[in-house]
C-alpha atoms as a PDB file:
ATOM      1  CA  MET A   1      89.260 136.287  56.669  1.00  0.00           C
ATOM      2  CA  PRO A   2      86.003 134.814  58.526  1.00  0.00           C
ATOM      3  CA  ARG A   3      84.305 136.872  60.678  1.00  0.00           C
ATOM      4  CA  PRO A   4      85.003 136.766  64.568  1.00  0.00           C
ATOM      5  CA  SER A   5      81.332 135.700  65.241  1.00  0.00           C
ATOM      6  CA  ILE A   6      81.744 132.673  62.715  1.00  0.00           C
ATOM      7  CA  ARG A   7      85.087 131.743  63.832  1.00  0.00           C
ATOM      8  CA  LYS A   8      83.816 131.774  67.686  1.00  0.00           C
ATOM      9  CA  PHE A   9      80.954 129.802  66.727  1.00  0.00           C
ATOM     10  CA  PHE A  10      83.163 126.713  65.625  1.00  0.00           C
ATOM     11  CA  ASN A  11      85.775 127.256  68.193  1.00  0.00           C
ATOM     12  CA  ASN A  12      82.472 126.804  70.572  1.00  0.00           C
ATOM     13  CA  ILE A  13      81.531 123.671  68.518  1.00  0.00           C
ATOM     14  CA  ILE A  14      84.790 122.213  68.838  1.00  0.00           C
ATOM     15  CA  THR A  15      85.417 122.910  72.186  1.00  0.00           C
ATOM     16  CA  ALA A  16      82.040 121.278  72.840  1.00  0.00           C
ATOM     17  CA  TYR A  17      82.613 117.857  70.918  1.00  0.00           C
ATOM     18  CA  VAL A  18      86.516 118.007  72.948  1.00  0.00           C
ATOM     19  CA  LEU A  19      84.851 118.212  76.021  1.00  0.00           C
ATOM     20  CA  ALA A  20      81.977 115.323  75.351  1.00  0.00           C
ATOM     21  CA  GLY A  21      84.564 113.174  73.942  1.00  0.00           C
ATOM     22  CA  LEU A  22      86.754 113.771  76.766  1.00  0.00           C
ATOM     23  CA  PHE A  23      83.887 113.090  79.403  1.00  0.00           C
ATOM     24  CA  LEU A  24      83.166 109.796  77.824  1.00  0.00           C
ATOM     25  CA  VAL A  25      86.407 108.692  77.650  1.00  0.00           C
ATOM     26  CA  PHE A  26      87.068 109.314  81.407  1.00  0.00           C
ATOM     27  CA  ALA A  27      83.483 107.651  82.128  1.00  0.00           C
ATOM     28  CA  VAL A  28      84.733 104.184  79.899  1.00  0.00           C
ATOM     29  CA  ILE A  29      87.820 104.379  81.825  1.00  0.00           C
ATOM     30  CA  LEU A  30      86.769 104.728  85.179  1.00  0.00           C
ATOM     31  CA  GLY A  31      83.975 102.259  84.518  1.00  0.00           C
ATOM     32  CA  ILE A  32      86.656  99.648  83.436  1.00  0.00           C
ATOM     33  CA  ALA A  33      89.059 100.917  86.145  1.00  0.00           C
ATOM     34  CA  ILE A  34      87.019 100.774  89.112  1.00  0.00           C
ATOM     35  CA  GLY A  35      85.179  97.805  90.823  1.00  0.00           C
ATOM     36  CA  THR A  36      85.965  94.711  93.593  1.00  0.00           C
ATOM     37  CA  VAL A  37      89.178  94.473  91.714  1.00  0.00           C
ATOM     38  CA  SER A  38      90.736  97.556  90.843  1.00  0.00           C
ATOM     39  CA  VAL A  39      92.164  97.353  87.125  1.00  0.00           C
ATOM     40  CA  PRO A  40      95.776  99.824  86.869  1.00  0.00           C
ATOM     41  CA  VAL A  41      94.538 102.519  83.696  1.00  0.00           C
ATOM     42  CA  PRO A  42      98.151 101.197  81.608  1.00  0.00           C
ATOM     43  CA  THR A  43      97.078  97.610  82.273  1.00  0.00           C
ATOM     44  CA  ILE A  44      93.644  98.192  80.618  1.00  0.00           C
ATOM     45  CA  PHE A  45      95.259  99.916  77.561  1.00  0.00           C
ATOM     46  CA  LYS A  46      97.735  96.760  77.254  1.00  0.00           C
ATOM     47  CA  VAL A  47      94.643  94.426  77.604  1.00  0.00           C
ATOM     48  CA  ILE A  48      92.972  96.110  74.985  1.00  0.00           C
ATOM     49  CA  ALA A  49      95.842  96.813  72.781  1.00  0.00           C
ATOM     50  CA  SER A  50      96.798  93.128  72.927  1.00  0.00           C
ATOM     51  CA  SER A  51      93.321  91.210  72.586  1.00  0.00           C
ATOM     52  CA  TRP A  52      92.129  93.813  69.621  1.00  0.00           C
ATOM     53  CA  PHE A  53      95.086  94.937  67.793  1.00  0.00           C
ATOM     54  CA  GLY A  54      97.912  92.233  69.130  1.00  0.00           C
ATOM     55  CA  LEU A  55     100.673  95.279  69.305  1.00  0.00           C
ATOM     56  CA  THR A  56     101.687  94.275  72.985  1.00  0.00           C
ATOM     57  CA  SER A  57     102.192  90.518  74.469  1.00  0.00           C
ATOM     58  CA  THR A  58     100.154  89.225  77.359  1.00  0.00           C
ATOM     59  CA  GLN A  59     103.059  87.813  79.092  1.00  0.00           C
ATOM     60  CA  ASN A  60     103.447  90.300  81.778  1.00  0.00           C
ATOM     61  CA  ILE A  61     100.165  90.840  82.099  1.00  0.00           C
ATOM     62  CA  ASP A  62      98.336  88.886  84.855  1.00  0.00           C
ATOM     63  CA  PRO A  63      95.456  87.002  83.305  1.00  0.00           C
ATOM     64  CA  MET A  64      93.294  87.666  86.229  1.00  0.00           C
ATOM     65  CA  PHE A  65      93.348  91.672  84.399  1.00  0.00           C
ATOM     66  CA  THR A  66      92.663  90.336  81.160  1.00  0.00           C
ATOM     67  CA  SER A  67      89.341  88.160  82.147  1.00  0.00           C
ATOM     68  CA  ILE A  68      87.873  91.160  84.150  1.00  0.00           C
ATOM     69  CA  VAL A  69      88.596  93.757  81.633  1.00  0.00           C
ATOM     70  CA  MET A  70      87.731  91.564  78.256  1.00  0.00           C
ATOM     71  CA  ASN A  71      84.777  89.333  79.651  1.00  0.00           C
ATOM     72  CA  ILE A  72      83.333  91.379  82.549  1.00  0.00           C
ATOM     73  CA  ARG A  73      83.628  94.987  82.375  1.00  0.00           C
ATOM     74  CA  LEU A  74      84.632  96.199  79.018  1.00  0.00           C
ATOM     75  CA  PRO A  75      81.345  94.660  77.455  1.00  0.00           C
ATOM     76  CA  ARG A  76      79.331  95.830  80.590  1.00  0.00           C
ATOM     77  CA  VAL A  77      80.774  99.926  79.759  1.00  0.00           C
ATOM     78  CA  ILE A  78      80.210  99.250  76.067  1.00  0.00           C
ATOM     79  CA  LEU A  79      76.592  98.190  76.625  1.00  0.00           C
ATOM     80  CA  ALA A  80      75.843 100.878  79.071  1.00  0.00           C
ATOM     81  CA  GLY A  81      77.531 103.655  76.825  1.00  0.00           C
ATOM     82  CA  LEU A  82      75.207 102.336  73.698  1.00  0.00           C
ATOM     83  CA  VAL A  83      71.649 102.236  76.295  1.00  0.00           C
ATOM     84  CA  GLY A  84      73.002 105.138  77.506  1.00  0.00           C
ATOM     85  CA  ALA A  85      73.316 106.519  74.053  1.00  0.00           C
ATOM     86  CA  SER A  86      70.330 105.530  72.363  1.00  0.00           C
ATOM     87  CA  LEU A  87      67.998 106.967  74.746  1.00  0.00           C
ATOM     88  CA  ALA A  88      69.756 110.205  74.958  1.00  0.00           C
ATOM     89  CA  ILE A  89      69.297 110.841  71.214  1.00  0.00           C
ATOM     90  CA  ALA A  90      65.409 109.348  71.144  1.00  0.00           C
ATOM     91  CA  GLY A  91      64.738 111.966  73.825  1.00  0.00           C
ATOM     92  CA  ALA A  92      66.448 114.645  71.932  1.00  0.00           C
ATOM     93  CA  ALA A  93      64.860 113.836  68.563  1.00  0.00           C
ATOM     94  CA  PHE A  94      61.136 113.430  70.463  1.00  0.00           C
ATOM     95  CA  GLN A  95      61.849 117.056  72.276  1.00  0.00           C
ATOM     96  CA  GLY A  96      62.568 118.590  69.490  1.00  0.00           C
ATOM     97  CA  LEU A  97      59.905 117.411  67.126  1.00  0.00           C
ATOM     98  CA  LEU A  98      56.808 117.795  69.704  1.00  0.00           C
ATOM     99  CA  ARG A  99      58.342 121.074  70.745  1.00  0.00           C
ATOM    100  CA  ASN A 100      58.037 119.929  74.551  1.00  0.00           C
ATOM    101  CA  PRO A 101      60.748 119.674  77.254  1.00  0.00           C
ATOM    102  CA  LEU A 102      58.906 116.547  78.776  1.00  0.00           C
ATOM    103  CA  ALA A 103      58.654 114.673  75.572  1.00  0.00           C
ATOM    104  CA  ASP A 104      61.242 111.539  75.890  1.00  0.00           C
ATOM    105  CA  PRO A 105      60.299 108.053  75.499  1.00  0.00           C
ATOM    106  CA  TYR A 106      58.955 107.560  78.801  1.00  0.00           C
ATOM    107  CA  THR A 107      56.558 110.156  78.608  1.00  0.00           C
ATOM    108  CA  LEU A 108      55.469 109.239  74.962  1.00  0.00           C
ATOM    109  CA  GLY A 109      54.891 105.458  76.085  1.00  0.00           C
ATOM    110  CA  VAL A 110      57.074 104.178  73.829  1.00  0.00           C
ATOM    111  CA  SER A 111      59.347 102.617  76.382  1.00  0.00           C
ATOM    112  CA  SER A 112      56.198 101.312  78.579  1.00  0.00           C
ATOM    113  CA  GLY A 113      55.082  99.432  75.194  1.00  0.00           C
ATOM    114  CA  ALA A 114      59.160  98.302  74.186  1.00  0.00           C
ATOM    115  CA  SER A 115      58.323  96.533  78.122  1.00  0.00           C
ATOM    116  CA  VAL A 116      55.343  95.031  77.464  1.00  0.00           C
ATOM    117  CA  GLY A 117      56.951  93.215  74.347  1.00  0.00           C
ATOM    118  CA  ALA A 118      59.891  92.537  76.161  1.00  0.00           C
ATOM    119  CA  VAL A 119      57.750  90.855  79.269  1.00  0.00           C
ATOM    120  CA  ILE A 120      55.727  88.981  76.995  1.00  0.00           C
ATOM    121  CA  THR A 121      58.719  87.750  75.627  1.00  0.00           C
ATOM    122  CA  LEU A 122      60.578  86.548  78.884  1.00  0.00           C
ATOM    123  CA  PHE A 123      56.697  85.581  80.518  1.00  0.00           C
ATOM    124  CA  PHE A 124      55.836  82.863  77.325  1.00  0.00           C
ATOM    125  CA  GLN A 125      59.672  82.264  76.737  1.00  0.00           C
ATOM    126  CA  LEU A 126      59.398  83.144  72.902  1.00  0.00           C
ATOM    127  CA  THR A 127      61.891  82.389  70.398  1.00  0.00           C
ATOM    128  CA  ILE A 128      61.417  83.227  66.719  1.00  0.00           C
ATOM    129  CA  PRO A 129      62.989  80.617  64.494  1.00  0.00           C
ATOM    130  CA  VAL A 130      64.621  82.467  62.270  1.00  0.00           C
ATOM    131  CA  VAL A 131      65.815  85.886  64.359  1.00  0.00           C
ATOM    132  CA  GLY A 132      66.618  83.671  67.458  1.00  0.00           C
ATOM    133  CA  SER A 133      68.316  85.979  70.136  1.00  0.00           C
ATOM    134  CA  TYR A 134      67.125  88.539  68.323  1.00  0.00           C
ATOM    135  CA  THR A 135      63.421  87.878  69.159  1.00  0.00           C
ATOM    136  CA  LEU A 136      63.473  90.075  72.252  1.00  0.00           C
ATOM    137  CA  PRO A 137      64.422  93.189  70.646  1.00  0.00           C
ATOM    138  CA  LEU A 138      62.531  93.061  67.623  1.00  0.00           C
ATOM    139  CA  LEU A 139      59.129  92.181  69.993  1.00  0.00           C
ATOM    140  CA  SER A 140      60.093  95.201  71.740  1.00  0.00           C
ATOM    141  CA  ILE A 141      60.525  97.510  68.557  1.00  0.00           C
ATOM    142  CA  LEU A 142      57.834  95.804  67.262  1.00  0.00           C
ATOM    143  CA  PHE A 143      55.203  96.501  70.369  1.00  0.00           C
ATOM    144  CA  SER A 144      56.891 100.525  70.976  1.00  0.00           C
ATOM    145  CA  PHE A 145      55.835 101.092  67.330  1.00  0.00           C
ATOM    146  CA  ILE A 146      52.210  99.899  67.975  1.00  0.00           C
ATOM    147  CA  THR A 147      52.187 102.189  71.208  1.00  0.00           C
ATOM    148  CA  ILE A 148      53.202 105.126  69.664  1.00  0.00           C
ATOM    149  CA  PHE A 149      51.331 104.882  66.353  1.00  0.00           C
ATOM    150  CA  CYS A 150      48.129 104.066  68.866  1.00  0.00           C
ATOM    151  CA  VAL A 151      49.122 107.229  70.969  1.00  0.00           C
ATOM    152  CA  LEU A 152      49.074 109.571  67.510  1.00  0.00           C
ATOM    153  CA  ALA A 153      45.940 107.688  66.345  1.00  0.00           C
ATOM    154  CA  PHE A 154      44.049 108.571  70.121  1.00  0.00           C
ATOM    155  CA  ALA A 155      45.677 111.892  70.150  1.00  0.00           C
ATOM    156  CA  LYS A 156      43.997 112.551  66.606  1.00  0.00           C
ATOM    157  CA  LYS A 157      40.768 111.144  67.512  1.00  0.00           C
ATOM    158  CA  VAL A 158      40.631 113.471  70.933  1.00  0.00           C
ATOM    159  CA  GLU A 159      41.922 116.996  68.458  1.00  0.00           C
ATOM    160  CA  ARG A 160      42.491 116.676  64.932  1.00  0.00           C
ATOM    161  CA  SER A 161      45.085 119.092  64.897  1.00  0.00           C
ATOM    162  CA  MET A 162      47.246 116.916  67.222  1.00  0.00           C
ATOM    163  CA  ARG A 163      48.788 119.533  69.377  1.00  0.00           C
ATOM    164  CA  VAL A 164      51.839 118.747  71.306  1.00  0.00           C
ATOM    165  CA  GLU A 165      50.182 118.948  74.976  1.00  0.00           C
ATOM    166  CA  THR A 166      47.555 116.388  73.621  1.00  0.00           C
ATOM    167  CA  ILE A 167      50.278 113.799  72.459  1.00  0.00           C
ATOM    168  CA  VAL A 168      52.081 114.069  75.914  1.00  0.00           C
ATOM    169  CA  LEU A 169      49.125 113.559  77.914  1.00  0.00           C
ATOM    170  CA  THR A 170      47.836 110.506  75.354  1.00  0.00           C
ATOM    171  CA  GLY A 171      51.384 109.000  75.746  1.00  0.00           C
ATOM    172  CA  ILE A 172      51.410 109.695  79.807  1.00  0.00           C
ATOM    173  CA  ILE A 173      47.737 107.582  79.691  1.00  0.00           C
ATOM    174  CA  PHE A 174      48.941 105.152  77.354  1.00  0.00           C
ATOM    175  CA  SER A 175      52.108 104.545  79.582  1.00  0.00           C
ATOM    176  CA  SER A 176      50.081 104.139  82.720  1.00  0.00           C
ATOM    177  CA  PHE A 177      47.825 101.829  81.187  1.00  0.00           C
ATOM    178  CA  LEU A 178      50.667  99.558  79.935  1.00  0.00           C
ATOM    179  CA  GLY A 179      52.629  99.683  83.247  1.00  0.00           C
ATOM    180  CA  ALA A 180      49.198  98.672  85.088  1.00  0.00           C
ATOM    181  CA  LEU A 181      49.526  95.361  82.036  1.00  0.00           C
ATOM    182  CA  ILE A 182      52.811  94.877  83.258  1.00  0.00           C
ATOM    183  CA  SER A 183      52.021  94.855  86.602  1.00  0.00           C
ATOM    184  CA  LEU A 184      48.848  92.416  86.249  1.00  0.00           C
ATOM    185  CA  MET A 185      51.558  90.067  83.856  1.00  0.00           C
ATOM    186  CA  ILE A 186      54.305  90.168  87.122  1.00  0.00           C
ATOM    187  CA  ALA A 187      51.280  88.901  89.090  1.00  0.00           C
ATOM    188  CA  LEU A 188      50.539  85.687  87.152  1.00  0.00           C
ATOM    189  CA  THR A 189      54.220  84.988  86.837  1.00  0.00           C
ATOM    190  CA  GLY A 190      55.325  82.041  88.737  1.00  0.00           C
ATOM    191  CA  ASP A 191      59.095  80.817  88.441  1.00  0.00           C
ATOM    192  CA  GLU A 192      60.084  84.189  86.284  1.00  0.00           C
ATOM    193  CA  LEU A 193      58.882  86.565  88.287  1.00  0.00           C
ATOM    194  CA  ARG A 194      62.234  87.470  89.962  1.00  0.00           C
ATOM    195  CA  GLN A 195      63.908  87.629  86.271  1.00  0.00           C
ATOM    196  CA  ILE A 196      61.458  89.716  85.099  1.00  0.00           C
ATOM    197  CA  ILE A 197      61.264  92.089  88.267  1.00  0.00           C
ATOM    198  CA  ALA A 198      65.015  92.086  87.699  1.00  0.00           C
ATOM    199  CA  TRP A 199      64.673  93.162  84.291  1.00  0.00           C
ATOM    200  CA  LEU A 200      62.483  95.682  84.562  1.00  0.00           C
ATOM    201  CA  LEU A 201      64.532  97.614  87.198  1.00  0.00           C
ATOM    202  CA  GLY A 202      66.853  98.289  84.328  1.00  0.00           C
ATOM    203  CA  SER A 203      70.699  96.873  84.584  1.00  0.00           C
ATOM    204  CA  VAL A 204      73.575  96.150  82.117  1.00  0.00           C
ATOM    205  CA  SER A 205      74.901  93.483  84.650  1.00  0.00           C
ATOM    206  CA  MET A 206      76.488  90.196  83.512  1.00  0.00           C
ATOM    207  CA  ARG A 207      75.017  90.602  79.853  1.00  0.00           C
ATOM    208  CA  GLY A 208      78.239  90.534  78.248  1.00  0.00           C
ATOM    209  CA  TRP A 209      79.605  90.839  74.193  1.00  0.00           C
ATOM    210  CA  GLU A 210      76.473  88.585  72.592  1.00  0.00           C
ATOM    211  CA  TYR A 211      73.915  91.840  73.938  1.00  0.00           C
ATOM    212  CA  ILE A 212      76.144  94.254  72.616  1.00  0.00           C
ATOM    213  CA  LYS A 213      75.564  92.320  68.873  1.00  0.00           C
ATOM    214  CA  ILE A 214      71.469  92.646  69.596  1.00  0.00           C
ATOM    215  CA  ILE A 215      71.750  96.633  70.348  1.00  0.00           C
ATOM    216  CA  ILE A 216      74.066  97.846  67.758  1.00  0.00           C
ATOM    217  CA  PRO A 217      72.846  97.274  64.376  1.00  0.00           C
ATOM    218  CA  PHE A 218      69.583  99.051  65.947  1.00  0.00           C
ATOM    219  CA  PHE A 219      71.446 101.637  67.379  1.00  0.00           C
ATOM    220  CA  ILE A 220      73.375 102.312  64.210  1.00  0.00           C
ATOM    221  CA  ILE A 221      70.189 102.096  62.089  1.00  0.00           C
ATOM    222  CA  GLY A 222      68.115 104.421  64.634  1.00  0.00           C
ATOM    223  CA  SER A 223      71.026 107.045  65.237  1.00  0.00           C
ATOM    224  CA  THR A 224      71.366 107.602  61.365  1.00  0.00           C
ATOM    225  CA  ILE A 225      68.006 108.213  60.362  1.00  0.00           C
ATOM    226  CA  LEU A 226      67.545 110.860  63.227  1.00  0.00           C
ATOM    227  CA  LEU A 227      71.135 112.140  62.335  1.00  0.00           C
ATOM    228  CA  LEU A 228      70.223 112.384  58.323  1.00  0.00           C
ATOM    229  CA  ASN A 229      66.770 114.541  59.673  1.00  0.00           C
ATOM    230  CA  THR A 230      68.887 117.090  61.935  1.00  0.00           C
ATOM    231  CA  LYS A 231      67.433 120.180  59.199  1.00  0.00           C
ATOM    232  CA  GLU A 232      64.264 118.885  59.164  1.00  0.00           C
ATOM    233  CA  LEU A 233      63.644 118.611  63.090  1.00  0.00           C
ATOM    234  CA  ASN A 234      65.306 122.102  63.458  1.00  0.00           C
ATOM    235  CA  ALA A 235      62.541 123.623  61.275  1.00  0.00           C
ATOM    236  CA  MET A 236      59.724 121.428  63.256  1.00  0.00           C
ATOM    237  CA  SER A 237      61.108 123.006  66.323  1.00  0.00           C
ATOM    238  CA  PHE A 238      59.666 125.906  65.370  1.00  0.00           C
ATOM    239  CA  GLY A 239      56.217 124.796  64.506  1.00  0.00           C
ATOM    240  CA  GLU A 240      54.311 122.337  62.092  1.00  0.00           C
ATOM    241  CA  GLU A 241      53.308 125.324  59.774  1.00  0.00           C
ATOM    242  CA  ARG A 242      56.830 127.216  59.722  1.00  0.00           C
ATOM    243  CA  ALA A 243      58.311 123.636  59.087  1.00  0.00           C
ATOM    244  CA  HIS A 244      55.834 123.065  56.063  1.00  0.00           C
ATOM    245  CA  HIS A 245      56.152 126.471  54.719  1.00  0.00           C
ATOM    246  CA  LEU A 246      60.120 125.737  54.661  1.00  0.00           C
ATOM    247  CA  GLY A 247      59.053 123.018  52.190  1.00  0.00           C
ATOM    248  CA  VAL A 248      59.465 119.965  54.752  1.00  0.00           C
ATOM    249  CA  ASN A 249      56.830 117.109  54.304  1.00  0.00           C
ATOM    250  CA  VAL A 250      56.047 117.338  58.125  1.00  0.00           C
ATOM    251  CA  GLN A 251      53.723 113.956  58.503  1.00  0.00           C
ATOM    252  CA  ARG A 252      56.092 111.838  56.769  1.00  0.00           C
ATOM    253  CA  ARG A 253      59.236 113.436  58.654  1.00  0.00           C
ATOM    254  CA  LYS A 254      57.494 113.072  61.573  1.00  0.00           C
ATOM    255  CA  LEU A 255      56.520 109.537  60.982  1.00  0.00           C
ATOM    256  CA  ILE A 256      60.416 108.752  60.173  1.00  0.00           C
ATOM    257  CA  VAL A 257      61.599 110.584  63.482  1.00  0.00           C
ATOM    258  CA  LEU A 258      59.006 108.581  65.929  1.00  0.00           C
ATOM    259  CA  THR A 259      60.026 105.469  63.792  1.00  0.00           C
ATOM    260  CA  ALA A 260      63.231 105.906  64.211  1.00  0.00           C
ATOM    261  CA  GLY A 261      63.201 106.878  68.159  1.00  0.00           C
ATOM    262  CA  SER A 262      61.396 103.391  68.417  1.00  0.00           C
ATOM    263  CA  ILE A 263      63.961 101.528  66.803  1.00  0.00           C
ATOM    264  CA  LEU A 264      66.179 103.002  69.747  1.00  0.00           C
ATOM    265  CA  THR A 265      64.208 103.091  72.415  1.00  0.00           C
ATOM    266  CA  GLY A 266      62.946  99.365  71.880  1.00  0.00           C
ATOM    267  CA  ALA A 267      66.224  97.915  71.597  1.00  0.00           C
ATOM    268  CA  ALA A 268      67.413  99.501  74.038  1.00  0.00           C
ATOM    269  CA  VAL A 269      64.806  98.494  76.603  1.00  0.00           C
ATOM    270  CA  ALA A 270      65.202  94.938  75.311  1.00  0.00           C
ATOM    271  CA  VAL A 271      68.940  94.780  76.524  1.00  0.00           C
ATOM    272  CA  SER A 272      68.934  96.737  79.813  1.00  0.00           C
ATOM    273  CA  GLY A 273      65.387  97.097  80.839  1.00  0.00           C
ATOM    274  CA  THR A 274      63.436 100.072  82.242  1.00  0.00           C
ATOM    275  CA  ILE A 275      65.484 103.096  82.438  1.00  0.00           C
ATOM    276  CA  GLY A 276      64.612 106.547  82.756  1.00  0.00           C
ATOM    277  CA  PHE A 277      65.405 109.611  82.716  1.00  0.00           C
ATOM    278  CA  VAL A 278      68.285 109.554  80.266  1.00  0.00           C
ATOM    279  CA  GLY A 279      66.341 110.642  77.177  1.00  0.00           C
ATOM    280  CA  LEU A 280      64.860 113.436  79.554  1.00  0.00           C
ATOM    281  CA  VAL A 281      67.599 115.354  81.261  1.00  0.00           C
ATOM    282  CA  ILE A 282      70.311 114.886  79.063  1.00  0.00           C
ATOM    283  CA  PRO A 283      69.243 116.218  76.088  1.00  0.00           C
ATOM    284  CA  HIS A 284      68.180 119.141  78.263  1.00  0.00           C
ATOM    285  CA  LEU A 285      71.647 119.673  79.681  1.00  0.00           C
ATOM    286  CA  ALA A 286      73.157 119.476  75.814  1.00  0.00           C
ATOM    287  CA  ARG A 287      70.784 121.846  74.842  1.00  0.00           C
ATOM    288  CA  ILE A 288      71.571 124.211  77.855  1.00  0.00           C
ATOM    289  CA  LEU A 289      75.280 123.879  77.173  1.00  0.00           C
ATOM    290  CA  TRP A 290      75.567 123.715  73.272  1.00  0.00           C
ATOM    291  CA  GLY A 291      72.579 124.905  71.898  1.00  0.00           C
ATOM    292  CA  PRO A 292      69.299 123.838  70.023  1.00  0.00           C
ATOM    293  CA  ASP A 293      70.708 123.116  66.664  1.00  0.00           C
ATOM    294  CA  HIS A 294      70.094 119.665  66.142  1.00  0.00           C
ATOM    295  CA  LYS A 295      72.854 119.013  63.454  1.00  0.00           C
ATOM    296  CA  HIS A 296      75.242 119.345  66.719  1.00  0.00           C
ATOM    297  CA  LEU A 297      72.648 118.517  69.561  1.00  0.00           C
ATOM    298  CA  LEU A 298      72.078 114.707  68.268  1.00  0.00           C
ATOM    299  CA  PRO A 299      75.644 113.837  68.664  1.00  0.00           C
ATOM    300  CA  LEU A 300      76.407 115.673  71.537  1.00  0.00           C
ATOM    301  CA  SER A 301      73.496 114.192  73.213  1.00  0.00           C
ATOM    302  CA  ILE A 302      74.908 110.460  72.111  1.00  0.00           C
ATOM    303  CA  LEU A 303      78.518 111.161  73.554  1.00  0.00           C
ATOM    304  CA  THR A 304      77.154 112.996  76.836  1.00  0.00           C
ATOM    305  CA  GLY A 305      74.182 109.955  77.017  1.00  0.00           C
ATOM    306  CA  SER A 306      76.508 107.399  76.677  1.00  0.00           C
ATOM    307  CA  ALA A 307      79.216 109.007  79.595  1.00  0.00           C
ATOM    308  CA  PHE A 308      76.449 109.206  81.991  1.00  0.00           C
ATOM    309  CA  LEU A 309      74.925 105.978  81.881  1.00  0.00           C
ATOM    310  CA  ILE A 310      78.337 104.446  82.093  1.00  0.00           C
ATOM    311  CA  LEU A 311      78.977 106.503  85.332  1.00  0.00           C
ATOM    312  CA  ALA A 312      75.639 105.899  86.559  1.00  0.00           C
ATOM    313  CA  ASP A 313      76.212 101.854  85.903  1.00  0.00           C
ATOM    314  CA  LEU A 314      79.644 102.506  87.977  1.00  0.00           C
ATOM    315  CA  ILE A 315      77.596 104.232  91.021  1.00  0.00           C
ATOM    316  CA  SER A 316      75.010 101.610  91.056  1.00  0.00           C
ATOM    317  CA  ARG A 317      77.658  98.553  91.491  1.00  0.00           C
ATOM    318  CA  THR A 318      79.939 100.099  93.500  1.00  0.00           C
ATOM    319  CA  ILE A 319      77.828 102.570  96.213  1.00  0.00           C
ATOM    320  CA  ILE A 320      77.070  99.582  98.596  1.00  0.00           C
ATOM    321  CA  SER A 321      79.730  96.886  96.991  1.00  0.00           C
ATOM    322  CA  PRO A 322      79.069  94.059  96.826  1.00  0.00           C
ATOM    323  CA  THR A 323      75.183  94.309  96.077  1.00  0.00           C
ATOM    324  CA  GLU A 324      74.466  96.130  93.169  1.00  0.00           C
ATOM    325  CA  LEU A 325      71.533  98.447  93.074  1.00  0.00           C
ATOM    326  CA  PRO A 326      69.216  98.650  89.946  1.00  0.00           C
ATOM    327  CA  ILE A 327      70.726 101.252  87.347  1.00  0.00           C
ATOM    328  CA  GLY A 328      67.128 102.477  86.893  1.00  0.00           C
ATOM    329  CA  VAL A 329      67.079 103.422  90.616  1.00  0.00           C
ATOM    330  CA  ILE A 330      70.078 105.424  90.080  1.00  0.00           C
ATOM    331  CA  THR A 331      69.669 107.799  87.097  1.00  0.00           C
ATOM    332  CA  ALA A 332      66.202 108.353  88.736  1.00  0.00           C
ATOM    333  CA  LEU A 333      68.089 109.682  92.000  1.00  0.00           C
ATOM    334  CA  ILE A 334      70.300 111.453  89.938  1.00  0.00           C
ATOM    335  CA  GLY A 335      68.082 112.783  87.296  1.00  0.00           C
ATOM    336  CA  ALA A 336      64.936 113.807  88.665  1.00  0.00           C
ATOM    337  CA  PRO A 337      66.597 116.445  90.903  1.00  0.00           C
ATOM    338  CA  VAL A 338      68.476 117.781  87.654  1.00  0.00           C
ATOM    339  CA  PHE A 339      65.269 117.811  85.891  1.00  0.00           C
ATOM    340  CA  ALA A 340      63.847 119.473  88.614  1.00  0.00           C
ATOM    341  CA  VAL A 341      66.453 122.785  88.723  1.00  0.00           C
ATOM    342  CA  ILE A 342      66.221 122.639  85.183  1.00  0.00           C
ATOM    343  CA  LEU A 343      62.684 123.687  85.036  1.00  0.00           C
ATOM    344  CA  LEU A 344      62.892 125.867  87.563  1.00  0.00           C
ATOM    345  CA  GLN A 345      65.695 127.832  85.981  1.00  0.00           C
ATOM    346  CA  ARG A 346      63.760 127.768  82.895  1.00  0.00           C
ATOM    347  CA  LYS A 347      60.528 129.108  84.838  1.00  0.00           C
ATOM    348  CA  ARG A 348      62.759 131.935  85.782  1.00  0.00           C
ATOM    349  CA  MET A 349      63.970 133.123  82.681  1.00  0.00           C
ATOM    350  CA  GLU A 350      60.389 132.983  81.240  1.00  0.00           C
ATOM    351  CA  ARG A 351      59.297 135.441  84.039  1.00  0.00           C
ATOM    352  CA  SER A 352      62.541 137.504  83.638  1.00  0.00           C
ATOM    353  CA  GLY A 353      62.069 137.557  80.181  1.00  0.00           C
END
């Protein structure tokens, strides 16, 4: 017979996955159903069952509903989910690796580097002949790689031990510099100005299935790499020296985790623009609700981050309908107060402890 404590642990983990899964399903259904034209929930299931699986006939379904679901809202919801999941798991991995609640793709400068790559691609209308539509994510990922390696190299120059605080501060410096570079490029831009600014504000509007095809291979590669390194992340969250004593090749694992996070962030930024606070707040909430074990923290961050961004996108397109707000504005308005509350609670716990 299993011990009550072990049984309770597994019951809690199962409950966590069930709740996170239900939250995601709820967000997906709402995201598809609500809009300028409301789509009844049974109709959503009929359209998907007919279009994807051929289980039902489309004769009794209004063609307008089929077009809305399959061509507009479903791809938008899936793309928002993939972007949210990518940023959340990357943020959770960076926070565990660097043992710092402020670490995420934005504070480390990774997203700013990806943004520079994307803006250069849009500014010069670059297309690599062999890869075609994958030019944008590939250049975003390349620049995010370059940025994180520059951050680490500079941090090592400043302090050979590369303390977490030094890496975060270096990331903020690089992020500010790259932000200024992007502003300079915008100032020099002519006709492409509106397109670049709209992209920088963050959106998953009118992207379609093509953008899902762009992000999904990078999401699978990046998230798989991180999920295969959960034990090492758990060890490194206690400190690099302890991880080394436990048999972890710290430098190699750090490089692998940062590379995977850069892949996820670069691809997400390429298809949606800059969307902040997802990689910062969602891992915090998942850690508070379900614990710090990366074996469960990473997949739960994927589910929660996906649902969060789907709902944020829903708010962005309905709150002042028919006008759409940039999704980055909504995530900042929600994420900043939540993060402030989390930090205040942590401070109170430290004082009382």
